[in-house]
Amino acid sequence: MDAVNGDDANNGLTTDTAKQTIQAAVDLLPARIPANVTVVVLPGTYPEQVNLDGISVAPDKSLHIVGDTTWSPASPGDPNVIITGADAVAPTTPVRNDGMLIANCAYVDVTGLMFQIWG
């Protein structure tokens, strides 16, 4: 995903054909994932709520949603990938309650994302 240069009409398979929203990439995933899959989220602010529902990954595999790969909980500062859960980049009140909702899923790993929900 590329919040600045992406386009949800793209196929999302390379950085040159990146989706603009995380949800558009998630929507491409099948309900059953038999192999390791990594969804790379480039630096930026993503004004959206991401919903993963009913995605099942094979027990010895995983779905990775990866943002800032240089950040760890021990790092100073925040990750450079921000999900606001709102429809504007810097709103004063959220449109949604969550930045990411994961329900009825198995073997999903999310790293390097910051959730900045106003309210």
Protein backbone atom coordinates (compact mmCIF):
# COMPACT_ATOMS: atom_id res chain seq x y z
CA MET A 1 0.00 0.00 0.00
CA ASP A 2 1.09 3.52 -0.72
CA ALA A 3 -1.07 6.26 0.83
CA VAL A 4 0.49 8.92 -1.42
CA ASN A 5 1.12 7.31 -4.82
CA GLY A 6 -1.10 4.24 -4.70
CA ASP A 7 -4.39 3.71 -6.50
CA ASP A 8 -7.04 1.22 -5.42
CA ALA A 9 -7.63 0.46 -9.12
CA ASN A 10 -4.08 -1.00 -9.29
CA ASN A 11 -3.49 -4.74 -8.83
CA GLY A 12 -1.41 -4.19 -5.67
CA LEU A 13 1.26 -6.76 -6.58
CA THR A 14 4.29 -4.41 -6.69
CA THR A 15 5.27 -1.00 -5.29
CA ASP A 16 4.71 0.46 -8.78
CA THR A 17 1.15 -0.91 -8.82
CA ALA A 18 0.40 -0.39 -5.13
CA LYS A 19 -3.09 0.00 -3.71
CA GLN A 20 -3.79 3.30 -1.94
CA THR A 21 -5.68 1.83 1.00
CA ILE A 22 -4.92 -1.10 3.25
CA GLN A 23 -8.53 -2.27 3.00
CA ALA A 24 -8.28 -2.56 -0.80
CA ALA A 25 -5.31 -4.92 -0.37
CA VAL A 26 -7.03 -6.91 2.36
CA ASP A 27 -10.07 -7.29 0.12
CA LEU A 28 -7.87 -9.17 -2.39
CA LEU A 29 -7.10 -11.91 0.15
CA PRO A 30 -8.99 -15.19 -0.08
CA ALA A 31 -10.87 -16.47 2.97
CA ARG A 32 -8.42 -19.41 3.25
CA ILE A 33 -4.69 -18.73 2.87
CA PRO A 34 -2.55 -21.88 2.35
CA ALA A 35 0.86 -20.12 2.19
CA ASN A 36 2.77 -17.35 3.94
CA VAL A 37 1.50 -13.96 2.74
CA THR A 38 2.99 -10.53 3.51
CA VAL A 39 1.10 -7.30 2.94
CA VAL A 40 3.59 -4.40 2.93
CA VAL A 41 2.29 -0.99 4.00
CA LEU A 42 4.54 1.91 2.95
CA PRO A 43 5.08 4.93 5.23
CA GLY A 44 2.17 7.35 5.43
CA THR A 45 -1.13 8.11 7.09
CA TYR A 46 -4.03 5.86 6.17
CA PRO A 47 -7.38 7.50 7.01
CA GLU A 48 -9.44 4.33 7.13
CA GLN A 49 -10.67 1.50 9.28
CA VAL A 50 -9.26 -1.83 8.15
CA ASN A 51 -11.54 -4.85 8.58
CA LEU A 52 -10.25 -8.41 8.45
CA ASP A 53 -13.03 -10.89 8.97
CA GLY A 54 -13.10 -14.63 8.41
CA ILE A 55 -9.55 -15.03 7.09
CA SER A 56 -8.11 -18.39 8.01
CA VAL A 57 -4.44 -19.14 7.47
CA ALA A 58 -3.02 -22.67 7.44
CA PRO A 59 -1.60 -23.53 10.91
CA ASP A 60 2.03 -23.63 9.81
CA LYS A 61 1.71 -20.40 7.74
CA SER A 62 0.88 -16.78 8.53
CA LEU A 63 -0.52 -13.56 7.15
CA HIS A 64 1.84 -10.67 7.95
CA ILE A 65 0.66 -7.07 7.67
CA VAL A 66 3.91 -5.13 7.91
CA GLY A 67 4.36 -1.38 8.26
CA ASP A 68 7.50 0.32 9.57
CA THR A 69 10.15 -2.42 9.52
CA THR A 70 12.71 -0.19 11.32
CA TRP A 71 10.45 0.28 14.37
CA SER A 72 10.18 -1.96 17.43
CA PRO A 73 8.59 -1.44 20.85
CA ALA A 74 12.07 -0.50 22.11
CA SER A 75 12.49 2.18 19.42
CA PRO A 76 12.20 5.85 20.29
CA GLY A 77 9.22 7.56 18.67
CA ASP A 78 6.36 6.04 16.74
CA PRO A 79 6.12 3.89 13.60
CA ASN A 80 5.94 5.84 10.32
CA VAL A 81 2.73 4.05 9.29
CA ILE A 82 -0.37 5.53 10.92
CA ILE A 83 -3.96 4.30 10.67
CA THR A 84 -6.40 6.94 11.86
CA GLY A 85 -9.74 5.15 11.57
CA ALA A 86 -11.18 8.36 10.06
CA ASP A 87 -11.97 9.74 6.62
CA ALA A 88 -9.52 12.65 6.76
CA VAL A 89 -5.79 12.74 7.45
CA ALA A 90 -6.05 15.03 10.49
CA PRO A 91 -9.63 15.12 11.77
CA THR A 92 -10.64 16.28 15.20
CA THR A 93 -13.19 13.49 15.66
CA PRO A 94 -13.18 9.97 14.23
CA VAL A 95 -15.72 8.65 11.80
CA ARG A 96 -15.14 5.11 13.10
CA ASN A 97 -14.26 3.68 16.48
CA ASP A 98 -11.38 1.43 15.40
CA GLY A 99 -8.31 1.67 13.21
CA MET A 100 -8.29 -2.08 12.59
CA LEU A 101 -10.84 -4.75 13.37
CA ILE A 102 -9.70 -8.38 13.21
CA ALA A 103 -12.48 -10.91 13.76
CA ASN A 104 -12.83 -14.65 13.11
CA CYS A 105 -9.25 -14.88 11.85
CA ALA A 106 -6.33 -17.15 12.66
CA TYR A 107 -2.54 -16.71 12.32
CA VAL A 108 -2.58 -12.98 11.49
CA ASP A 109 0.46 -10.92 12.53
CA VAL A 110 0.44 -7.10 12.47
CA THR A 111 3.66 -5.13 13.06
CA GLY A 112 4.99 -1.61 12.59
CA LEU A 113 1.62 0.19 12.56
CA MET A 114 0.44 2.99 14.83
CA PHE A 115 -3.26 3.48 15.50
CA GLN A 116 -4.15 7.11 16.10
CA ILE A 117 -7.83 7.25 16.98
CA TRP A 118 -9.30 10.58 18.09
CA GLY A 119 -12.14 10.85 20.52
